[in-house]
Amino acid sequence: MTRLFSLAAAVLAGAALVLTGTATAAQDRQQHQQPHEPGAAALPGKQLTGYWQNFVNGATPLRVADVPDAYDVIALAFAEADPARPGAVTFGVDPGLSNALGGYTDADLAADIAAKKAAGTSVVLSIGGERGNVDFSSPAAVSNFVDSFAAIAGEYGIQGLDVDLEHGFDVGNVASAIRQLRERLGEDFLLTMAPQTLDVQPGGTYLRLIDQVADLVTVVHTQYYNSGSMNGCHGQVVHQGSVDFITAQACILLEHLRPEQVSLGLPASPSAAGSGYVAPDVVTAALDCLTRGQRCGSYVPAQPVPGLSGVMTWSVNWDVADGRSFSGPVRAHLDSLG
């Protein structure tokens, strides 16, 4: 995820590769949406996920308590690498954010998380991001990560892990860390991922990770932005900013995961990403194309997948800064699909 106002497009794909293959309260939504496994008790069938920024940039600084009710899942961004212990992470309210909010403490954050969970919202902690990383280079680093993350989860009431590693990682060691963490946190452990588009192309790092832990994945929401052009599952190059860019890449994940494990990640406003912002109407068209076979571009799924999970956005703060122009229409459309 980007922390900056603008970010150059990250990667361009080459030749095409042919592949086989307004808002309502959370409690009201859950009454008519069927949850799914794993972590079924926590998530509705059509969910909206948003990243909460634990730092200050041009977006609106927010307490977790002020995250709009439109969001079903809040991903806290981000845990930080502990320089004293390879693999270990730390987490707490960023001092700059605390100052911007007139004093926001770790205890306040924990209380806000508890209140959000009591209202039916799920909370996960993200690792990585544009400027962050975690050391998974050895079994010892994996153990340090699991120990530190589990301790943070216990302290703050966090329900799971969001993997947003954007600078490469050891697939086997990250898979091991996920399985160990699931053993620590229990059967309601939530696992979300936010890969960049290149990493879920065939052979990509995240696609290999997903294949190793598919039984534990709650939802994968690829970042369909800051990307450039990519290959689609229909053997054509798709270009960022279009319905086809979203749908013809989502179908790659649908060859590896169940529909309810696949979500669509888009920026909340033009300021939220360096490139790839699309109007909410494009997001809802992509949802309709994938779930109903309607409002498609040149790529039309052979079989609609009504169970598609939902939408993720970077970030809640940018959404609020833009008058909730993303979450309002997207939330309403997700409810119509439910």
C-alpha atoms as a PDB file:
ATOM      1  CA  MET A   1       0.000   0.000   0.000  1.00  0.00           C
ATOM      2  CA  THR A   2       1.245   3.478  -0.730  1.00  0.00           C
ATOM      3  CA  ARG A   3       1.899   5.991   2.052  1.00  0.00           C
ATOM      4  CA  LEU A   4       2.666   8.820  -0.364  1.00  0.00           C
ATOM      5  CA  PHE A   5       0.486  11.214  -2.374  1.00  0.00           C
ATOM      6  CA  SER A   6       1.887   9.940  -5.630  1.00  0.00           C
ATOM      7  CA  LEU A   7       3.797   6.813  -6.604  1.00  0.00           C
ATOM      8  CA  ALA A   8       5.106   5.805  -9.998  1.00  0.00           C
ATOM      9  CA  ALA A   9       3.544   2.721 -11.593  1.00  0.00           C
ATOM     10  CA  ALA A  10       5.522  -0.279 -10.418  1.00  0.00           C
ATOM     11  CA  VAL A  11       5.704  -2.866 -13.161  1.00  0.00           C
ATOM     12  CA  LEU A  12       4.754  -3.505 -16.787  1.00  0.00           C
ATOM     13  CA  ALA A  13       3.951  -6.953 -18.169  1.00  0.00           C
ATOM     14  CA  GLY A  14       5.185  -8.177 -21.540  1.00  0.00           C
ATOM     15  CA  ALA A  15       3.422 -10.238 -24.156  1.00  0.00           C
ATOM     16  CA  ALA A  16       0.137 -11.947 -23.383  1.00  0.00           C
ATOM     17  CA  LEU A  17       0.247 -15.380 -21.838  1.00  0.00           C
ATOM     18  CA  VAL A  18      -2.623 -17.734 -22.618  1.00  0.00           C
ATOM     19  CA  LEU A  19      -3.875 -19.417 -19.487  1.00  0.00           C
ATOM     20  CA  THR A  20      -6.398 -22.147 -18.898  1.00  0.00           C
ATOM     21  CA  GLY A  21      -8.705 -21.896 -16.937  1.00  0.00           C
ATOM     22  CA  THR A  22     -26.165   4.199   1.601  1.00  0.00           C
ATOM     23  CA  ALA A  23     -24.323   2.336   4.003  1.00  0.00           C
ATOM     24  CA  THR A  24     -26.113   0.180   6.528  1.00  0.00           C
ATOM     25  CA  ALA A  25     -24.960  -0.842   9.975  1.00  0.00           C
ATOM     26  CA  ALA A  26     -22.749  -3.910  10.160  1.00  0.00           C
ATOM     27  CA  GLN A  27     -25.241  -5.798  12.303  1.00  0.00           C
ATOM     28  CA  ASP A  28     -28.055  -5.276   9.802  1.00  0.00           C
ATOM     29  CA  ARG A  29     -25.857  -6.420   6.920  1.00  0.00           C
ATOM     30  CA  GLN A  30     -24.879  -9.622   8.686  1.00  0.00           C
ATOM     31  CA  GLN A  31     -28.524 -10.635   9.023  1.00  0.00           C
ATOM     32  CA  HIS A  32     -28.844 -11.183   5.284  1.00  0.00           C
ATOM     33  CA  GLN A  33     -25.300 -12.215   4.298  1.00  0.00           C
ATOM     34  CA  GLN A  34     -23.945 -15.699   4.761  1.00  0.00           C
ATOM     35  CA  PRO A  35     -20.515 -15.971   6.392  1.00  0.00           C
ATOM     36  CA  HIS A  36     -17.783 -18.237   5.057  1.00  0.00           C
ATOM     37  CA  GLU A  37     -14.908 -20.321   6.381  1.00  0.00           C
ATOM     38  CA  PRO A  38     -12.335 -19.890   7.779  1.00  0.00           C
ATOM     39  CA  GLY A  39     -13.054 -17.250  10.388  1.00  0.00           C
ATOM     40  CA  ALA A  40     -16.712 -17.588   9.447  1.00  0.00           C
ATOM     41  CA  ALA A  41     -18.082 -16.115  12.643  1.00  0.00           C
ATOM     42  CA  ALA A  42     -16.445 -12.778  11.937  1.00  0.00           C
ATOM     43  CA  LEU A  43     -17.093 -11.962   8.286  1.00  0.00           C
ATOM     44  CA  PRO A  44     -20.231 -11.378   6.226  1.00  0.00           C
ATOM     45  CA  GLY A  45     -20.528 -12.814   2.733  1.00  0.00           C
ATOM     46  CA  LYS A  46     -20.141  -9.481   0.945  1.00  0.00           C
ATOM     47  CA  GLN A  47     -17.550  -7.478   2.779  1.00  0.00           C
ATOM     48  CA  LEU A  48     -15.851  -4.107   2.497  1.00  0.00           C
ATOM     49  CA  THR A  49     -12.316  -3.966   3.870  1.00  0.00           C
ATOM     50  CA  GLY A  50     -10.431  -0.749   4.542  1.00  0.00           C
ATOM     51  CA  TYR A  51      -6.912   0.016   5.718  1.00  0.00           C
ATOM     52  CA  TRP A  52      -6.585   2.315   8.723  1.00  0.00           C
ATOM     53  CA  GLN A  53      -3.449   4.460   8.544  1.00  0.00           C
ATOM     54  CA  ASN A  54      -1.319   4.456  11.673  1.00  0.00           C
ATOM     55  CA  PHE A  55       0.645   7.418  10.355  1.00  0.00           C
ATOM     56  CA  VAL A  56      -0.018  10.900   9.053  1.00  0.00           C
ATOM     57  CA  ASN A  57       0.026  12.015   5.433  1.00  0.00           C
ATOM     58  CA  GLY A  58      -2.478  14.051   3.422  1.00  0.00           C
ATOM     59  CA  ALA A  59      -5.411  11.831   4.386  1.00  0.00           C
ATOM     60  CA  THR A  60      -7.709  12.483   7.339  1.00  0.00           C
ATOM     61  CA  PRO A  61      -6.174  11.253  10.627  1.00  0.00           C
ATOM     62  CA  LEU A  62      -8.641   8.912  12.319  1.00  0.00           C
ATOM     63  CA  ARG A  63      -9.150   7.059  15.528  1.00  0.00           C
ATOM     64  CA  VAL A  64     -10.260   3.488  14.914  1.00  0.00           C
ATOM     65  CA  ALA A  65     -13.522   4.443  16.593  1.00  0.00           C
ATOM     66  CA  ASP A  66     -14.147   6.883  13.726  1.00  0.00           C
ATOM     67  CA  VAL A  67     -13.846   4.295  10.939  1.00  0.00           C
ATOM     68  CA  PRO A  68     -17.263   4.393   9.212  1.00  0.00           C
ATOM     69  CA  ASP A  69     -19.679   1.547   9.846  1.00  0.00           C
ATOM     70  CA  ALA A  70     -19.618   0.786   6.111  1.00  0.00           C
ATOM     71  CA  TYR A  71     -16.457  -1.260   6.696  1.00  0.00           C
ATOM     72  CA  ASP A  72     -16.698  -4.904   7.757  1.00  0.00           C
ATOM     73  CA  VAL A  73     -12.955  -5.441   8.124  1.00  0.00           C
ATOM     74  CA  ILE A  74     -10.343  -2.954   9.330  1.00  0.00           C
ATOM     75  CA  ALA A  75      -6.720  -3.686   8.459  1.00  0.00           C
ATOM     76  CA  LEU A  76      -4.390  -1.787  10.779  1.00  0.00           C
ATOM     77  CA  ALA A  77      -1.456  -0.445   8.769  1.00  0.00           C
ATOM     78  CA  PHE A  78       1.170  -1.379   9.784  1.00  0.00           C
ATOM     79  CA  ALA A  79       3.153  -3.473  12.270  1.00  0.00           C
ATOM     80  CA  GLU A  80       6.799  -2.402  12.262  1.00  0.00           C
ATOM     81  CA  ALA A  81       9.918  -4.559  12.100  1.00  0.00           C
ATOM     82  CA  ASP A  82      11.768  -4.788  15.433  1.00  0.00           C
ATOM     83  CA  PRO A  83      15.425  -3.917  14.723  1.00  0.00           C
ATOM     84  CA  ALA A  84      16.522  -5.762  17.867  1.00  0.00           C
ATOM     85  CA  ARG A  85      15.110  -9.164  16.861  1.00  0.00           C
ATOM     86  CA  PRO A  86      15.098 -10.463  13.269  1.00  0.00           C
ATOM     87  CA  GLY A  87      11.542 -11.338  12.259  1.00  0.00           C
ATOM     88  CA  ALA A  88       9.882  -9.755  15.279  1.00  0.00           C
ATOM     89  CA  VAL A  89       7.370  -6.935  14.887  1.00  0.00           C
ATOM     90  CA  THR A  90       6.142  -4.122  17.107  1.00  0.00           C
ATOM     91  CA  PHE A  91       2.925  -2.138  17.101  1.00  0.00           C
ATOM     92  CA  GLY A  92       1.458   0.873  18.850  1.00  0.00           C
ATOM     93  CA  VAL A  93      -0.050   4.245  18.054  1.00  0.00           C
ATOM     94  CA  ASP A  94       2.315   6.285  15.912  1.00  0.00           C
ATOM     95  CA  PRO A  95       3.465   9.404  17.833  1.00  0.00           C
ATOM     96  CA  GLY A  96       2.689  11.657  14.878  1.00  0.00           C
ATOM     97  CA  LEU A  97      -0.830  10.283  14.642  1.00  0.00           C
ATOM     98  CA  SER A  98      -1.316  10.636  18.390  1.00  0.00           C
ATOM     99  CA  ASN A  99      -0.341  14.294  18.182  1.00  0.00           C
ATOM    100  CA  ALA A 100      -2.588  14.919  15.178  1.00  0.00           C
ATOM    101  CA  LEU A 101      -5.529  13.497  17.122  1.00  0.00           C
ATOM    102  CA  GLY A 102      -4.834  15.535  20.230  1.00  0.00           C
ATOM    103  CA  GLY A 103      -3.586  12.555  22.179  1.00  0.00           C
ATOM    104  CA  TYR A 104      -4.422   8.985  21.152  1.00  0.00           C
ATOM    105  CA  THR A 105      -2.900   6.254  23.282  1.00  0.00           C
ATOM    106  CA  ASP A 106      -2.318   2.540  22.898  1.00  0.00           C
ATOM    107  CA  ALA A 107      -5.027   2.005  25.507  1.00  0.00           C
ATOM    108  CA  ASP A 108      -7.426   4.146  23.463  1.00  0.00           C
ATOM    109  CA  LEU A 109      -6.647   2.082  20.373  1.00  0.00           C
ATOM    110  CA  ALA A 110      -7.243  -1.193  22.201  1.00  0.00           C
ATOM    111  CA  ALA A 111     -10.568   0.099  23.521  1.00  0.00           C
ATOM    112  CA  ASP A 112     -11.608   1.244  20.044  1.00  0.00           C
ATOM    113  CA  ILE A 113     -10.771  -2.171  18.587  1.00  0.00           C
ATOM    114  CA  ALA A 114     -12.844  -3.876  21.277  1.00  0.00           C
ATOM    115  CA  ALA A 115     -15.804  -1.597  20.534  1.00  0.00           C
ATOM    116  CA  LYS A 116     -15.549  -2.214  16.788  1.00  0.00           C
ATOM    117  CA  LYS A 117     -15.446  -5.968  17.327  1.00  0.00           C
ATOM    118  CA  ALA A 118     -18.456  -5.785  19.631  1.00  0.00           C
ATOM    119  CA  ALA A 119     -20.329  -4.017  16.811  1.00  0.00           C
ATOM    120  CA  GLY A 120     -19.480  -6.831  14.368  1.00  0.00           C
ATOM    121  CA  THR A 121     -16.398  -5.420  12.650  1.00  0.00           C
ATOM    122  CA  SER A 122     -13.296  -7.592  12.271  1.00  0.00           C
ATOM    123  CA  VAL A 123      -9.776  -6.259  12.841  1.00  0.00           C
ATOM    124  CA  VAL A 124      -6.524  -7.604  11.394  1.00  0.00           C
ATOM    125  CA  LEU A 125      -2.978  -6.270  11.584  1.00  0.00           C
ATOM    126  CA  SER A 126      -1.067  -5.732   8.353  1.00  0.00           C
ATOM    127  CA  ILE A 127       2.632  -6.326   7.820  1.00  0.00           C
ATOM    128  CA  GLY A 128       4.700  -4.716   5.087  1.00  0.00           C
ATOM    129  CA  GLY A 129       3.312  -1.944   2.934  1.00  0.00           C
ATOM    130  CA  GLU A 130       5.202   0.283   0.525  1.00  0.00           C
ATOM    131  CA  ARG A 131       7.967   1.167   2.962  1.00  0.00           C
ATOM    132  CA  GLY A 132       7.912  -1.740   5.415  1.00  0.00           C
ATOM    133  CA  ASN A 133       9.115  -5.317   5.478  1.00  0.00           C
ATOM    134  CA  VAL A 134       9.545  -8.255   7.850  1.00  0.00           C
ATOM    135  CA  ASP A 135      12.479 -10.665   7.986  1.00  0.00           C
ATOM    136  CA  PHE A 136      11.360 -14.236   7.228  1.00  0.00           C
ATOM    137  CA  SER A 137      14.808 -15.453   6.215  1.00  0.00           C
ATOM    138  CA  SER A 138      15.213 -18.224   8.801  1.00  0.00           C
ATOM    139  CA  PRO A 139      13.249 -20.488  11.174  1.00  0.00           C
ATOM    140  CA  ALA A 140      14.487 -18.347  14.060  1.00  0.00           C
ATOM    141  CA  ALA A 141      13.077 -15.218  12.411  1.00  0.00           C
ATOM    142  CA  VAL A 142       9.781 -17.024  11.841  1.00  0.00           C
ATOM    143  CA  SER A 143       9.614 -17.939  15.538  1.00  0.00           C
ATOM    144  CA  ASN A 144      10.329 -14.337  16.523  1.00  0.00           C
ATOM    145  CA  PHE A 145       7.583 -13.135  14.219  1.00  0.00           C
ATOM    146  CA  VAL A 146       5.011 -15.581  15.542  1.00  0.00           C
ATOM    147  CA  ASP A 147       5.843 -14.837  19.186  1.00  0.00           C
ATOM    148  CA  SER A 148       5.742 -11.063  18.725  1.00  0.00           C
ATOM    149  CA  PHE A 149       2.638 -10.972  16.539  1.00  0.00           C
ATOM    150  CA  ALA A 150       0.710 -13.296  18.870  1.00  0.00           C
ATOM    151  CA  ALA A 151       1.613 -11.061  21.826  1.00  0.00           C
ATOM    152  CA  ILE A 152       0.394  -7.958  19.966  1.00  0.00           C
ATOM    153  CA  ALA A 153      -2.795  -9.734  18.947  1.00  0.00           C
ATOM    154  CA  GLY A 154      -3.468 -10.628  22.553  1.00  0.00           C
ATOM    155  CA  GLU A 155      -2.765  -7.111  23.787  1.00  0.00           C
ATOM    156  CA  TYR A 156      -4.994  -5.345  21.265  1.00  0.00           C
ATOM    157  CA  GLY A 157      -7.610  -7.998  20.521  1.00  0.00           C
ATOM    158  CA  ILE A 158      -6.506  -8.375  16.907  1.00  0.00           C
ATOM    159  CA  GLN A 159      -8.118 -11.295  15.087  1.00  0.00           C
ATOM    160  CA  GLY A 160      -5.667 -12.055  12.343  1.00  0.00           C
ATOM    161  CA  LEU A 161      -2.908 -11.206   9.900  1.00  0.00           C
ATOM    162  CA  ASP A 162      -2.882  -9.213   6.672  1.00  0.00           C
ATOM    163  CA  VAL A 163       0.114  -9.979   4.451  1.00  0.00           C
ATOM    164  CA  ASP A 164       1.100  -6.890   2.453  1.00  0.00           C
ATOM    165  CA  LEU A 165       4.756  -7.712   1.851  1.00  0.00           C
ATOM    166  CA  GLU A 166       5.831  -5.831  -1.277  1.00  0.00           C
ATOM    167  CA  HIS A 167       9.593  -6.443  -1.405  1.00  0.00           C
ATOM    168  CA  GLY A 168       9.866 -10.208  -1.771  1.00  0.00           C
ATOM    169  CA  PHE A 169       9.863 -12.959   0.839  1.00  0.00           C
ATOM    170  CA  ASP A 170      10.686 -16.612   1.448  1.00  0.00           C
ATOM    171  CA  VAL A 171       7.459 -18.391   0.508  1.00  0.00           C
ATOM    172  CA  GLY A 172       8.040 -21.483   2.630  1.00  0.00           C
ATOM    173  CA  ASN A 173       8.959 -19.508   5.739  1.00  0.00           C
ATOM    174  CA  VAL A 174       5.981 -17.154   5.426  1.00  0.00           C
ATOM    175  CA  ALA A 175       3.687 -20.162   4.979  1.00  0.00           C
ATOM    176  CA  SER A 176       5.205 -21.699   8.112  1.00  0.00           C
ATOM    177  CA  ALA A 177       4.694 -18.462  10.040  1.00  0.00           C
ATOM    178  CA  ILE A 178       1.041 -18.338   8.982  1.00  0.00           C
ATOM    179  CA  ARG A 179       0.386 -21.910  10.096  1.00  0.00           C
ATOM    180  CA  GLN A 180       2.136 -21.390  13.421  1.00  0.00           C
ATOM    181  CA  LEU A 181       0.229 -18.177  14.002  1.00  0.00           C
ATOM    182  CA  ARG A 182      -3.052 -19.892  13.261  1.00  0.00           C
ATOM    183  CA  GLU A 183      -2.193 -22.489  15.917  1.00  0.00           C
ATOM    184  CA  ARG A 184      -1.562 -19.672  18.405  1.00  0.00           C
ATOM    185  CA  LEU A 185      -4.658 -17.611  17.636  1.00  0.00           C
ATOM    186  CA  GLY A 186      -7.119 -20.459  17.118  1.00  0.00           C
ATOM    187  CA  GLU A 187      -9.761 -21.480  14.612  1.00  0.00           C
ATOM    188  CA  ASP A 188     -11.215 -17.989  14.210  1.00  0.00           C
ATOM    189  CA  PHE A 189      -7.882 -16.714  12.888  1.00  0.00           C
ATOM    190  CA  LEU A 190      -8.347 -14.410   9.896  1.00  0.00           C
ATOM    191  CA  LEU A 191      -5.819 -14.379   7.065  1.00  0.00           C
ATOM    192  CA  THR A 192      -5.977 -11.689   4.408  1.00  0.00           C
ATOM    193  CA  MET A 193      -3.454 -10.766   1.733  1.00  0.00           C
ATOM    194  CA  ALA A 194      -2.886  -7.709  -0.453  1.00  0.00           C
ATOM    195  CA  PRO A 195      -0.552  -8.761  -3.267  1.00  0.00           C
ATOM    196  CA  GLN A 196       0.606  -6.481  -6.031  1.00  0.00           C
ATOM    197  CA  THR A 197      -0.610  -7.526  -9.480  1.00  0.00           C
ATOM    198  CA  LEU A 198       2.727  -8.951 -10.647  1.00  0.00           C
ATOM    199  CA  ASP A 199       2.890 -11.263  -7.635  1.00  0.00           C
ATOM    200  CA  VAL A 200      -0.320 -13.067  -8.595  1.00  0.00           C
ATOM    201  CA  GLN A 201       0.655 -13.595 -12.199  1.00  0.00           C
ATOM    202  CA  PRO A 202       1.419 -17.286 -12.905  1.00  0.00           C
ATOM    203  CA  GLY A 203       4.488 -18.283 -10.911  1.00  0.00           C
ATOM    204  CA  GLY A 204       4.318 -15.118  -8.800  1.00  0.00           C
ATOM    205  CA  THR A 205       5.439 -15.091  -5.182  1.00  0.00           C
ATOM    206  CA  TYR A 206       1.978 -14.625  -3.694  1.00  0.00           C
ATOM    207  CA  LEU A 207       0.401 -17.203  -5.966  1.00  0.00           C
ATOM    208  CA  ARG A 208       2.899 -19.756  -4.675  1.00  0.00           C
ATOM    209  CA  LEU A 209       2.168 -18.698  -1.087  1.00  0.00           C
ATOM    210  CA  ILE A 210      -1.578 -18.877  -1.669  1.00  0.00           C
ATOM    211  CA  ASP A 211      -1.256 -22.427  -2.980  1.00  0.00           C
ATOM    212  CA  GLN A 212       0.536 -23.431   0.236  1.00  0.00           C
ATOM    213  CA  VAL A 213      -1.990 -21.900   2.653  1.00  0.00           C
ATOM    214  CA  ALA A 214      -5.234 -21.855   0.642  1.00  0.00           C
ATOM    215  CA  ASP A 215      -7.017 -23.787   3.382  1.00  0.00           C
ATOM    216  CA  LEU A 216      -6.362 -20.912   5.815  1.00  0.00           C
ATOM    217  CA  VAL A 217      -6.999 -17.950   3.505  1.00  0.00           C
ATOM    218  CA  THR A 218      -9.946 -15.777   4.465  1.00  0.00           C
ATOM    219  CA  VAL A 219      -9.673 -13.382   1.535  1.00  0.00           C
ATOM    220  CA  VAL A 220      -7.085 -12.131  -0.960  1.00  0.00           C
ATOM    221  CA  HIS A 221      -7.587  -8.587  -2.237  1.00  0.00           C
ATOM    222  CA  THR A 222      -5.087  -7.857  -4.996  1.00  0.00           C
ATOM    223  CA  GLN A 223      -4.023  -4.228  -5.376  1.00  0.00           C
ATOM    224  CA  TYR A 224      -5.383  -3.323  -8.816  1.00  0.00           C
ATOM    225  CA  TYR A 225      -3.409  -0.072  -8.862  1.00  0.00           C
ATOM    226  CA  ASN A 226       0.178   1.232  -8.963  1.00  0.00           C
ATOM    227  CA  SER A 227       0.701  -1.508 -11.496  1.00  0.00           C
ATOM    228  CA  GLY A 228       0.782  -0.749 -15.188  1.00  0.00           C
ATOM    229  CA  SER A 229      -0.427  -3.315 -17.712  1.00  0.00           C
ATOM    230  CA  MET A 230      -0.684  -7.011 -16.891  1.00  0.00           C
ATOM    231  CA  ASN A 231      -1.653 -10.307 -18.483  1.00  0.00           C
ATOM    232  CA  GLY A 232      -5.245 -11.437 -18.087  1.00  0.00           C
ATOM    233  CA  CYS A 233      -6.502 -14.982 -17.778  1.00  0.00           C
ATOM    234  CA  HIS A 234      -8.031 -14.710 -21.264  1.00  0.00           C
ATOM    235  CA  GLY A 235      -4.639 -14.415 -22.938  1.00  0.00           C
ATOM    236  CA  GLN A 236      -4.778 -10.664 -23.498  1.00  0.00           C
ATOM    237  CA  VAL A 237      -2.846  -7.772 -21.974  1.00  0.00           C
ATOM    238  CA  VAL A 238      -5.137  -5.637 -19.823  1.00  0.00           C
ATOM    239  CA  HIS A 239      -4.523  -2.012 -18.992  1.00  0.00           C
ATOM    240  CA  GLN A 240      -4.817  -0.370 -15.591  1.00  0.00           C
ATOM    241  CA  GLY A 241      -7.912   1.725 -14.984  1.00  0.00           C
ATOM    242  CA  SER A 242     -10.428  -0.482 -16.793  1.00  0.00           C
ATOM    243  CA  VAL A 243     -13.046  -3.061 -15.887  1.00  0.00           C
ATOM    244  CA  ASP A 244     -11.063  -5.655 -17.838  1.00  0.00           C
ATOM    245  CA  PHE A 245      -7.938  -4.928 -15.794  1.00  0.00           C
ATOM    246  CA  ILE A 246      -9.796  -5.967 -12.660  1.00  0.00           C
ATOM    247  CA  THR A 247     -11.924  -8.837 -13.931  1.00  0.00           C
ATOM    248  CA  ALA A 248      -9.396 -10.531 -16.214  1.00  0.00           C
ATOM    249  CA  GLN A 249      -6.877 -10.663 -13.358  1.00  0.00           C
ATOM    250  CA  ALA A 250      -9.328 -11.647 -10.642  1.00  0.00           C
ATOM    251  CA  CYS A 251     -10.051 -14.785 -12.638  1.00  0.00           C
ATOM    252  CA  ILE A 252      -6.428 -15.876 -12.157  1.00  0.00           C
ATOM    253  CA  LEU A 253      -7.025 -16.029  -8.409  1.00  0.00           C
ATOM    254  CA  LEU A 254     -10.325 -17.797  -8.984  1.00  0.00           C
ATOM    255  CA  GLU A 255      -8.343 -20.707 -10.424  1.00  0.00           C
ATOM    256  CA  HIS A 256      -6.597 -21.089  -7.052  1.00  0.00           C
ATOM    257  CA  LEU A 257      -9.192 -20.014  -4.473  1.00  0.00           C
ATOM    258  CA  ARG A 258     -12.907 -20.263  -3.864  1.00  0.00           C
ATOM    259  CA  PRO A 259     -14.936 -17.172  -4.922  1.00  0.00           C
ATOM    260  CA  GLU A 260     -15.552 -16.200  -1.311  1.00  0.00           C
ATOM    261  CA  GLN A 261     -11.774 -15.968  -0.845  1.00  0.00           C
ATOM    262  CA  VAL A 262     -11.336 -13.386  -3.628  1.00  0.00           C
ATOM    263  CA  SER A 263     -11.879  -9.642  -3.274  1.00  0.00           C
ATOM    264  CA  LEU A 264     -11.014  -6.577  -5.386  1.00  0.00           C
ATOM    265  CA  GLY A 265      -8.560  -3.949  -4.119  1.00  0.00           C
ATOM    266  CA  LEU A 266      -8.898  -0.352  -5.354  1.00  0.00           C
ATOM    267  CA  PRO A 267      -7.819   3.122  -4.170  1.00  0.00           C
ATOM    268  CA  ALA A 268     -10.413   5.186  -2.314  1.00  0.00           C
ATOM    269  CA  SER A 269      -9.534   8.415  -4.119  1.00  0.00           C
ATOM    270  CA  PRO A 270      -7.134   9.763  -6.763  1.00  0.00           C
ATOM    271  CA  SER A 271      -4.808  10.887  -3.954  1.00  0.00           C
ATOM    272  CA  ALA A 272      -4.650   7.410  -2.430  1.00  0.00           C
ATOM    273  CA  ALA A 273      -2.430   5.894  -5.123  1.00  0.00           C
ATOM    274  CA  GLY A 274       0.064   7.000  -7.695  1.00  0.00           C
ATOM    275  CA  SER A 275      -1.951   5.382 -10.481  1.00  0.00           C
ATOM    276  CA  GLY A 276      -4.902   3.092 -11.036  1.00  0.00           C
ATOM    277  CA  TYR A 277      -7.705   5.013  -9.376  1.00  0.00           C
ATOM    278  CA  VAL A 278     -11.078   4.256 -10.960  1.00  0.00           C
ATOM    279  CA  ALA A 279     -14.480   5.728 -10.202  1.00  0.00           C
ATOM    280  CA  PRO A 280     -16.769   3.642  -7.976  1.00  0.00           C
ATOM    281  CA  ASP A 281     -18.896   2.903 -11.056  1.00  0.00           C
ATOM    282  CA  VAL A 282     -15.976   0.943 -12.528  1.00  0.00           C
ATOM    283  CA  VAL A 283     -15.631  -1.004  -9.281  1.00  0.00           C
ATOM    284  CA  THR A 284     -19.324  -1.888  -9.225  1.00  0.00           C
ATOM    285  CA  ALA A 285     -19.198  -2.832 -12.924  1.00  0.00           C
ATOM    286  CA  ALA A 286     -16.342  -5.238 -12.183  1.00  0.00           C
ATOM    287  CA  LEU A 287     -18.387  -6.730  -9.337  1.00  0.00           C
ATOM    288  CA  ASP A 288     -21.369  -7.183 -11.639  1.00  0.00           C
ATOM    289  CA  CYS A 289     -19.231  -8.712 -14.369  1.00  0.00           C
ATOM    290  CA  LEU A 290     -17.692 -11.287 -12.053  1.00  0.00           C
ATOM    291  CA  THR A 291     -20.811 -12.128 -10.041  1.00  0.00           C
ATOM    292  CA  ARG A 292     -23.533 -11.743 -12.698  1.00  0.00           C
ATOM    293  CA  GLY A 293     -21.837 -11.712 -16.081  1.00  0.00           C
ATOM    294  CA  GLN A 294     -23.141  -8.176 -16.636  1.00  0.00           C
ATOM    295  CA  ARG A 295     -21.509  -4.773 -17.363  1.00  0.00           C
ATOM    296  CA  CYS A 296     -18.315  -6.484 -18.563  1.00  0.00           C
ATOM    297  CA  GLY A 297     -15.659  -5.137 -20.873  1.00  0.00           C
ATOM    298  CA  SER A 298     -14.104  -7.373 -23.516  1.00  0.00           C
ATOM    299  CA  TYR A 299     -13.513 -10.139 -20.969  1.00  0.00           C
ATOM    300  CA  VAL A 300     -16.687 -11.982 -19.987  1.00  0.00           C
ATOM    301  CA  PRO A 301     -16.357 -14.820 -17.443  1.00  0.00           C
ATOM    302  CA  ALA A 302     -17.386 -18.229 -18.724  1.00  0.00           C
ATOM    303  CA  GLN A 303     -19.231 -18.735 -15.446  1.00  0.00           C
ATOM    304  CA  PRO A 304     -20.296 -15.936 -13.057  1.00  0.00           C
ATOM    305  CA  VAL A 305     -19.241 -16.359  -9.427  1.00  0.00           C
ATOM    306  CA  PRO A 306     -21.997 -14.919  -7.195  1.00  0.00           C
ATOM    307  CA  GLY A 307     -19.982 -15.810  -4.100  1.00  0.00           C
ATOM    308  CA  LEU A 308     -17.187 -13.322  -4.811  1.00  0.00           C
ATOM    309  CA  SER A 309     -16.119 -11.853  -1.475  1.00  0.00           C
ATOM    310  CA  GLY A 310     -16.193  -8.090  -1.962  1.00  0.00           C
ATOM    311  CA  VAL A 311     -13.915  -5.048  -2.133  1.00  0.00           C
ATOM    312  CA  MET A 312     -10.876  -3.683  -0.318  1.00  0.00           C
ATOM    313  CA  THR A 313      -9.751  -0.063  -0.394  1.00  0.00           C
ATOM    314  CA  TRP A 314      -6.625   1.864   0.422  1.00  0.00           C
ATOM    315  CA  SER A 315      -7.518   3.563   2.618  1.00  0.00           C
ATOM    316  CA  VAL A 316     -10.291   4.412   5.072  1.00  0.00           C
ATOM    317  CA  ASN A 317      -8.487   7.691   5.749  1.00  0.00           C
ATOM    318  CA  TRP A 318      -8.431   8.666   2.084  1.00  0.00           C
ATOM    319  CA  ASP A 319     -12.078   7.639   1.766  1.00  0.00           C
ATOM    320  CA  VAL A 320     -13.042   9.927   4.647  1.00  0.00           C
ATOM    321  CA  ALA A 321     -10.882  12.731   3.230  1.00  0.00           C
ATOM    322  CA  ASP A 322     -12.841  12.409  -0.026  1.00  0.00           C
ATOM    323  CA  GLY A 323     -16.239  12.576   1.671  1.00  0.00           C
ATOM    324  CA  ARG A 324     -16.731   8.785   1.668  1.00  0.00           C
ATOM    325  CA  SER A 325     -17.269   8.924  -2.077  1.00  0.00           C
ATOM    326  CA  PHE A 326     -15.858   5.396  -2.390  1.00  0.00           C
ATOM    327  CA  SER A 327     -17.400   3.523   0.524  1.00  0.00           C
ATOM    328  CA  GLY A 328     -20.887   4.980   0.022  1.00  0.00           C
ATOM    329  CA  PRO A 329     -21.674   3.618  -3.455  1.00  0.00           C
ATOM    330  CA  VAL A 330     -19.515   0.506  -3.117  1.00  0.00           C
ATOM    331  CA  ARG A 331     -21.113  -0.457   0.194  1.00  0.00           C
ATOM    332  CA  ALA A 332     -24.586   0.018  -1.260  1.00  0.00           C
ATOM    333  CA  HIS A 333     -23.710  -2.132  -4.265  1.00  0.00           C
ATOM    334  CA  LEU A 334     -22.238  -4.908  -2.138  1.00  0.00           C
ATOM    335  CA  ASP A 335     -25.458  -4.937  -0.125  1.00  0.00           C
ATOM    336  CA  SER A 336     -27.472  -5.272  -3.348  1.00  0.00           C
ATOM    337  CA  LEU A 337     -25.374  -8.325  -4.279  1.00  0.00           C
ATOM    338  CA  GLY A 338     -25.919  -9.859  -0.846  1.00  0.00           C
END
